[in-house]
PDB file of N, CA and C in Angstrom:
ATOM      1  N   MET A   1     263.363 121.258  87.136  1.00  0.00           N
ATOM      2  CA  MET A   1     263.137 120.259  86.117  1.00  0.00           C
ATOM      3  C   MET A   1     263.765 120.729  84.807  1.00  0.00           C
ATOM      4  N   LYS A   2     264.226 119.781  84.036  1.00  0.00           N
ATOM      5  CA  LYS A   2     264.828 120.025  82.730  1.00  0.00           C
ATOM      6  C   LYS A   2     264.133 119.143  81.700  1.00  0.00           C
ATOM      7  N   TRP A   3     264.337 119.464  80.455  1.00  0.00           N
ATOM      8  CA  TRP A   3     263.823 118.628  79.371  1.00  0.00           C
ATOM      9  C   TRP A   3     264.882 117.612  78.987  1.00  0.00           C
ATOM     10  N   ALA A   4     264.462 116.398  78.716  1.00  0.00           N
ATOM     11  CA  ALA A   4     265.389 115.332  78.352  1.00  0.00           C
ATOM     12  C   ALA A   4     264.971 114.707  77.029  1.00  0.00           C
ATOM     13  N   LEU A   5     265.963 114.467  76.175  1.00  0.00           N
ATOM     14  CA  LEU A   5     265.741 113.693  74.962  1.00  0.00           C
ATOM     15  C   LEU A   5     265.974 112.239  75.337  1.00  0.00           C
ATOM     16  N   VAL A   6     264.888 111.458  75.317  1.00  0.00           N
ATOM     17  CA  VAL A   6     264.940 110.054  75.711  1.00  0.00           C
ATOM     18  C   VAL A   6     264.860 109.200  74.448  1.00  0.00           C
ATOM     19  N   VAL A   7     265.777 108.255  74.314  1.00  0.00           N
ATOM     20  CA  VAL A   7     265.812 107.375  73.140  1.00  0.00           C
ATOM     21  C   VAL A   7     265.066 106.088  73.462  1.00  0.00           C
ATOM     22  N   TYR A   8     264.146 105.729  72.569  1.00  0.00           N
ATOM     23  CA  TYR A   8     263.356 104.504  72.704  1.00  0.00           C
ATOM     24  C   TYR A   8     263.675 103.551  71.560  1.00  0.00           C
ATOM     25  N   PHE A   9     263.696 102.265  71.884  1.00  0.00           N
ATOM     26  CA  PHE A   9     263.905 101.207  70.902  1.00  0.00           C
ATOM     27  C   PHE A   9     262.681 100.298  70.891  1.00  0.00           C
ATOM     28  N   LEU A  10     262.281  99.862  69.702  1.00  0.00           N
ATOM     29  CA  LEU A  10     261.170  98.927  69.566  1.00  0.00           C
ATOM     30  C   LEU A  10     261.732  97.515  69.667  1.00  0.00           C
ATOM     31  N   VAL A  11     261.440  96.856  70.781  1.00  0.00           N
ATOM     32  CA  VAL A  11     261.965  95.514  71.046  1.00  0.00           C
ATOM     33  C   VAL A  11     260.787  94.588  71.352  1.00  0.00           C
ATOM     34  N   GLY A  12     260.612  93.584  70.526  1.00  0.00           N
ATOM     35  CA  GLY A  12     259.518  92.637  70.736  1.00  0.00           C
ATOM     36  C   GLY A  12     258.153  93.294  70.678  1.00  0.00           C
ATOM     37  N   GLY A  13     258.025  94.337  69.853  1.00  0.00           N
ATOM     38  CA  GLY A  13     256.749  95.022  69.692  1.00  0.00           C
ATOM     39  C   GLY A  13     256.432  96.028  70.787  1.00  0.00           C
ATOM     40  N   ILE A  14     257.393  96.301  71.697  1.00  0.00           N
ATOM     41  CA  ILE A  14     257.186  97.234  72.805  1.00  0.00           C
ATOM     42  C   ILE A  14     258.273  98.305  72.781  1.00  0.00           C
ATOM     43  N   TRP A  15     257.871  99.581  72.887  1.00  0.00           N
ATOM     44  CA  TRP A  15     258.838 100.679  72.958  1.00  0.00           C
ATOM     45  C   TRP A  15     259.423 100.718  74.359  1.00  0.00           C
ATOM     46  N   GLN A  16     260.776 100.643  74.447  1.00  0.00           N
ATOM     47  CA  GLN A  16     261.472 100.665  75.724  1.00  0.00           C
ATOM     48  C   GLN A  16     262.614 101.674  75.660  1.00  0.00           C
ATOM     49  N   SER A  17     262.845 102.369  76.767  1.00  0.00           N
ATOM     50  CA  SER A  17     263.914 103.368  76.778  1.00  0.00           C
ATOM     51  C   SER A  17     265.280 102.699  76.821  1.00  0.00           C
ATOM     52  N   ALA A  18     266.281 103.446  76.385  1.00  0.00           N
ATOM     53  CA  ALA A  18     267.660 102.944  76.424  1.00  0.00           C
ATOM     54  C   ALA A  18     268.068 102.610  77.852  1.00  0.00           C
ATOM     55  N   GLU A  19     267.607 103.417  78.824  1.00  0.00           N
ATOM     56  CA  GLU A  19     267.926 103.146  80.227  1.00  0.00           C
ATOM     57  C   GLU A  19     267.346 101.808  80.682  1.00  0.00           C
ATOM     58  N   ASP A  20     266.078 101.556  80.308  1.00  0.00           N
ATOM     59  CA  ASP A  20     265.449 100.286  80.680  1.00  0.00           C
ATOM     60  C   ASP A  20     266.181  99.091  80.077  1.00  0.00           C
ATOM     61  N   LEU A  21     266.699  99.292  78.874  1.00  0.00           N
ATOM     62  CA  LEU A  21     267.403  98.214  78.175  1.00  0.00           C
ATOM     63  C   LEU A  21     268.893  98.159  78.519  1.00  0.00           C
ATOM     64  N   LYS A  22     269.368  99.122  79.301  1.00  0.00           N
ATOM     65  CA  LYS A  22     270.792  99.205  79.685  1.00  0.00           C
ATOM     66  C   LYS A  22     271.695  99.368  78.464  1.00  0.00           C
ATOM     67  N   TYR A  23     271.235 100.176  77.484  1.00  0.00           N
ATOM     68  CA  TYR A  23     272.019 100.453  76.280  1.00  0.00           C
ATOM     69  C   TYR A  23     272.935 101.635  76.562  1.00  0.00           C
ATOM     70  N   ASP A  24     274.120 101.357  77.053  1.00  0.00           N
ATOM     71  CA  ASP A  24     275.086 102.395  77.395  1.00  0.00           C
ATOM     72  C   ASP A  24     275.405 103.247  76.172  1.00  0.00           C
ATOM     73  N   GLY A  25     275.515 104.552  76.367  1.00  0.00           N
ATOM     74  CA  GLY A  25     275.794 105.467  75.283  1.00  0.00           C
ATOM     75  C   GLY A  25     274.537 106.028  74.637  1.00  0.00           C
ATOM     76  N   TRP A  26     273.377 105.490  74.983  1.00  0.00           N
ATOM     77  CA  TRP A  26     272.107 105.942  74.426  1.00  0.00           C
ATOM     78  C   TRP A  26     271.231 106.605  75.487  1.00  0.00           C
ATOM     79  N   TYR A  27     271.773 106.814  76.671  1.00  0.00           N
ATOM     80  CA  TYR A  27     270.979 107.382  77.761  1.00  0.00           C
ATOM     81  C   TYR A  27     270.575 108.821  77.448  1.00  0.00           C
ATOM     82  N   ARG A  28     269.599 109.319  78.168  1.00  0.00           N
ATOM     83  CA  ARG A  28     269.017 110.637  77.906  1.00  0.00           C
ATOM     84  C   ARG A  28     270.011 111.789  78.016  1.00  0.00           C
ATOM     85  N   MET A  29     269.732 112.826  77.218  1.00  0.00           N
ATOM     86  CA  MET A  29     270.486 114.081  77.270  1.00  0.00           C
ATOM     87  C   MET A  29     269.533 115.143  77.799  1.00  0.00           C
ATOM     88  N   HIS A  30     270.033 116.021  78.672  1.00  0.00           N
ATOM     89  CA  HIS A  30     269.188 117.043  79.293  1.00  0.00           C
ATOM     90  C   HIS A  30     269.422 118.416  78.680  1.00  0.00           C
ATOM     91  N   PHE A  31     268.333 119.195  78.593  1.00  0.00           N
ATOM     92  CA  PHE A  31     268.367 120.523  77.992  1.00  0.00           C
ATOM     93  C   PHE A  31     267.606 121.509  78.870  1.00  0.00           C
ATOM     94  N   GLU A  32     267.948 122.770  78.728  1.00  0.00           N
ATOM     95  CA  GLU A  32     267.339 123.832  79.528  1.00  0.00           C
ATOM     96  C   GLU A  32     265.886 124.089  79.142  1.00  0.00           C
ATOM     97  N   THR A  33     265.581 123.997  77.825  1.00  0.00           N
ATOM     98  CA  THR A  33     264.224 124.309  77.369  1.00  0.00           C
ATOM     99  C   THR A  33     263.661 123.202  76.483  1.00  0.00           C
ATOM    100  N   GLN A  34     262.335 123.201  76.369  1.00  0.00           N
ATOM    101  CA  GLN A  34     261.671 122.240  75.494  1.00  0.00           C
ATOM    102  C   GLN A  34     262.039 122.514  74.030  1.00  0.00           C
ATOM    103  N   GLU A  35     262.159 123.786  73.679  1.00  0.00           N
ATOM    104  CA  GLU A  35     262.491 124.151  72.300  1.00  0.00           C
ATOM    105  C   GLU A  35     263.825 123.544  71.856  1.00  0.00           C
ATOM    106  N   ILE A  36     264.835 123.669  72.690  1.00  0.00           N
ATOM    107  CA  ILE A  36     266.142 123.094  72.351  1.00  0.00           C
ATOM    108  C   ILE A  36     266.046 121.577  72.248  1.00  0.00           C
ATOM    109  N   CYS A  37     265.351 120.969  73.182  1.00  0.00           N
ATOM    110  CA  CYS A  37     265.181 119.507  73.158  1.00  0.00           C
ATOM    111  C   CYS A  37     264.493 119.070  71.873  1.00  0.00           C
ATOM    112  N   GLU A  38     263.428 119.777  71.489  1.00  0.00           N
ATOM    113  CA  GLU A  38     262.691 119.423  70.273  1.00  0.00           C
ATOM    114  C   GLU A  38     263.558 119.562  69.024  1.00  0.00           C
ATOM    115  N   GLN A  39     264.457 120.534  69.001  1.00  0.00           N
ATOM    116  CA  GLN A  39     265.371 120.683  67.870  1.00  0.00           C
ATOM    117  C   GLN A  39     266.255 119.441  67.737  1.00  0.00           C
ATOM    118  N   TYR A  40     266.785 118.979  68.861  1.00  0.00           N
ATOM    119  CA  TYR A  40     267.614 117.767  68.851  1.00  0.00           C
ATOM    120  C   TYR A  40     266.781 116.543  68.477  1.00  0.00           C
ATOM    121  N   ALA A  41     265.555 116.459  68.995  1.00  0.00           N
ATOM    122  CA  ALA A  41     264.678 115.324  68.683  1.00  0.00           C
ATOM    123  C   ALA A  41     264.365 115.287  67.190  1.00  0.00           C
ATOM    124  N   ASN A  42     264.088 116.448  66.603  1.00  0.00           N
ATOM    125  CA  ASN A  42     263.786 116.495  65.167  1.00  0.00           C
ATOM    126  C   ASN A  42     264.963 116.023  64.335  1.00  0.00           C
ATOM    127  N   ARG A  43     266.164 116.448  64.704  1.00  0.00           N
ATOM    128  CA  ARG A  43     267.369 115.989  63.984  1.00  0.00           C
ATOM    129  C   ARG A  43     267.556 114.488  64.166  1.00  0.00           C
ATOM    130  N   PHE A  44     267.379 114.012  65.388  1.00  0.00           N
ATOM    131  CA  PHE A  44     267.551 112.585  65.677  1.00  0.00           C
ATOM    132  C   PHE A  44     266.541 111.750  64.882  1.00  0.00           C
ATOM    133  N   ASN A  45     265.287 112.187  64.868  1.00  0.00           N
ATOM    134  CA  ASN A  45     264.225 111.416  64.218  1.00  0.00           C
ATOM    135  C   ASN A  45     264.209 111.572  62.705  1.00  0.00           C
ATOM    136  N   SER A  46     265.020 112.470  62.159  1.00  0.00           N
ATOM    137  CA  SER A  46     265.052 112.643  60.704  1.00  0.00           C
ATOM    138  C   SER A  46     265.871 111.557  60.013  1.00  0.00           C
ATOM    139  N   THR A  47     266.605 110.764  60.790  1.00  0.00           N
ATOM    140  CA  THR A  47     267.367 109.666  60.207  1.00  0.00           C
ATOM    141  C   THR A  47     266.449 108.463  60.003  1.00  0.00           C
ATOM    142  N   PRO A  48     266.693 107.682  58.954  1.00  0.00           N
ATOM    143  CA  PRO A  48     265.833 106.520  58.692  1.00  0.00           C
ATOM    144  C   PRO A  48     265.904 105.493  59.824  1.00  0.00           C
ATOM    145  N   GLY A  49     264.795 104.895  60.119  1.00  0.00           N
ATOM    146  CA  GLY A  49     264.737 103.844  61.127  1.00  0.00           C
ATOM    147  C   GLY A  49     263.358 103.772  61.739  1.00  0.00           C
ATOM    148  N   GLU A  50     262.821 102.578  61.800  1.00  0.00           N
ATOM    149  CA  GLU A  50     261.480 102.393  62.343  1.00  0.00           C
ATOM    150  C   GLU A  50     261.494 101.803  63.744  1.00  0.00           C
ATOM    151  N   LYS A  51     262.666 101.433  64.239  1.00  0.00           N
ATOM    152  CA  LYS A  51     262.739 100.771  65.541  1.00  0.00           C
ATOM    153  C   LYS A  51     263.484 101.597  66.579  1.00  0.00           C
ATOM    154  N   ILE A  52     263.646 102.900  66.306  1.00  0.00           N
ATOM    155  CA  ILE A  52     264.310 103.794  67.242  1.00  0.00           C
ATOM    156  C   ILE A  52     263.697 105.183  67.088  1.00  0.00           C
ATOM    157  N   LYS A  53     263.490 105.871  68.236  1.00  0.00           N
ATOM    158  CA  LYS A  53     262.952 107.228  68.175  1.00  0.00           C
ATOM    159  C   LYS A  53     263.410 108.015  69.391  1.00  0.00           C
ATOM    160  N   GLY A  54     263.466 109.325  69.243  1.00  0.00           N
ATOM    161  CA  GLY A  54     263.798 110.220  70.342  1.00  0.00           C
ATOM    162  C   GLY A  54     262.572 111.015  70.735  1.00  0.00           C
ATOM    163  N   VAL A  55     262.330 111.135  72.044  1.00  0.00           N
ATOM    164  CA  VAL A  55     261.152 111.826  72.564  1.00  0.00           C
ATOM    165  C   VAL A  55     261.594 112.773  73.675  1.00  0.00           C
ATOM    166  N   CYS A  56     261.076 114.005  73.662  1.00  0.00           N
ATOM    167  CA  CYS A  56     261.376 114.955  74.738  1.00  0.00           C
ATOM    168  C   CYS A  56     260.401 114.742  75.891  1.00  0.00           C
ATOM    169  N   GLU A  57     260.965 114.654  77.088  1.00  0.00           N
ATOM    170  CA  GLU A  57     260.161 114.460  78.295  1.00  0.00           C
ATOM    171  C   GLU A  57     260.722 115.331  79.410  1.00  0.00           C
ATOM    172  N   LEU A  58     259.860 115.747  80.335  1.00  0.00           N
ATOM    173  CA  LEU A  58     260.333 116.471  81.507  1.00  0.00           C
ATOM    174  C   LEU A  58     261.093 115.524  82.417  1.00  0.00           C
ATOM    175  N   SER A  59     262.183 116.028  83.003  1.00  0.00           N
ATOM    176  CA  SER A  59     263.044 115.191  83.831  1.00  0.00           C
ATOM    177  C   SER A  59     263.452 115.972  85.090  1.00  0.00           C
ATOM    178  N   PHE A  60     263.639 115.274  86.191  1.00  0.00           N
ATOM    179  CA  PHE A  60     264.020 115.878  87.465  1.00  0.00           C
ATOM    180  C   PHE A  60     265.512 115.787  87.699  1.00  0.00           C
ATOM    181  N   VAL A  61     266.315 116.346  86.773  1.00  0.00           N
ATOM    182  CA  VAL A  61     267.768 116.274  86.871  1.00  0.00           C
ATOM    183  C   VAL A  61     268.344 117.668  86.621  1.00  0.00           C
ATOM    184  N   ASP A  62     269.497 117.945  87.206  1.00  0.00           N
ATOM    185  CA  ASP A  62     270.111 119.254  87.066  1.00  0.00           C
ATOM    186  C   ASP A  62     271.223 119.320  86.039  1.00  0.00           C
ATOM    187  N   GLU A  63     271.649 118.200  85.439  1.00  0.00           N
ATOM    188  CA  GLU A  63     272.754 118.251  84.489  1.00  0.00           C
ATOM    189  C   GLU A  63     272.261 118.760  83.134  1.00  0.00           C
ATOM    190  N   LEU A  64     273.068 119.587  82.478  1.00  0.00           N
ATOM    191  CA  LEU A  64     272.708 120.170  81.194  1.00  0.00           C
ATOM    192  C   LEU A  64     273.710 119.803  80.123  1.00  0.00           C
ATOM    193  N   LYS A  65     273.252 119.761  78.873  1.00  0.00           N
ATOM    194  CA  LYS A  65     274.131 119.541  77.719  1.00  0.00           C
ATOM    195  C   LYS A  65     274.099 120.779  76.865  1.00  0.00           C
TER     196      LYS A  65
END
């Protein structure tokens, strides 16, 4: 298992992942550790915006960034 930074968008009052919405280019990025993922999430979430957020989640994928 790897850690993934998953991007969520607030659409119609419901948080949905980029994958669910088919937003190409916004799909999850995978990392070796939670610490690295959280660093990327903090940078991502430091930008202004109330309808988009990045969340680290465990993922069952082998690809790394």
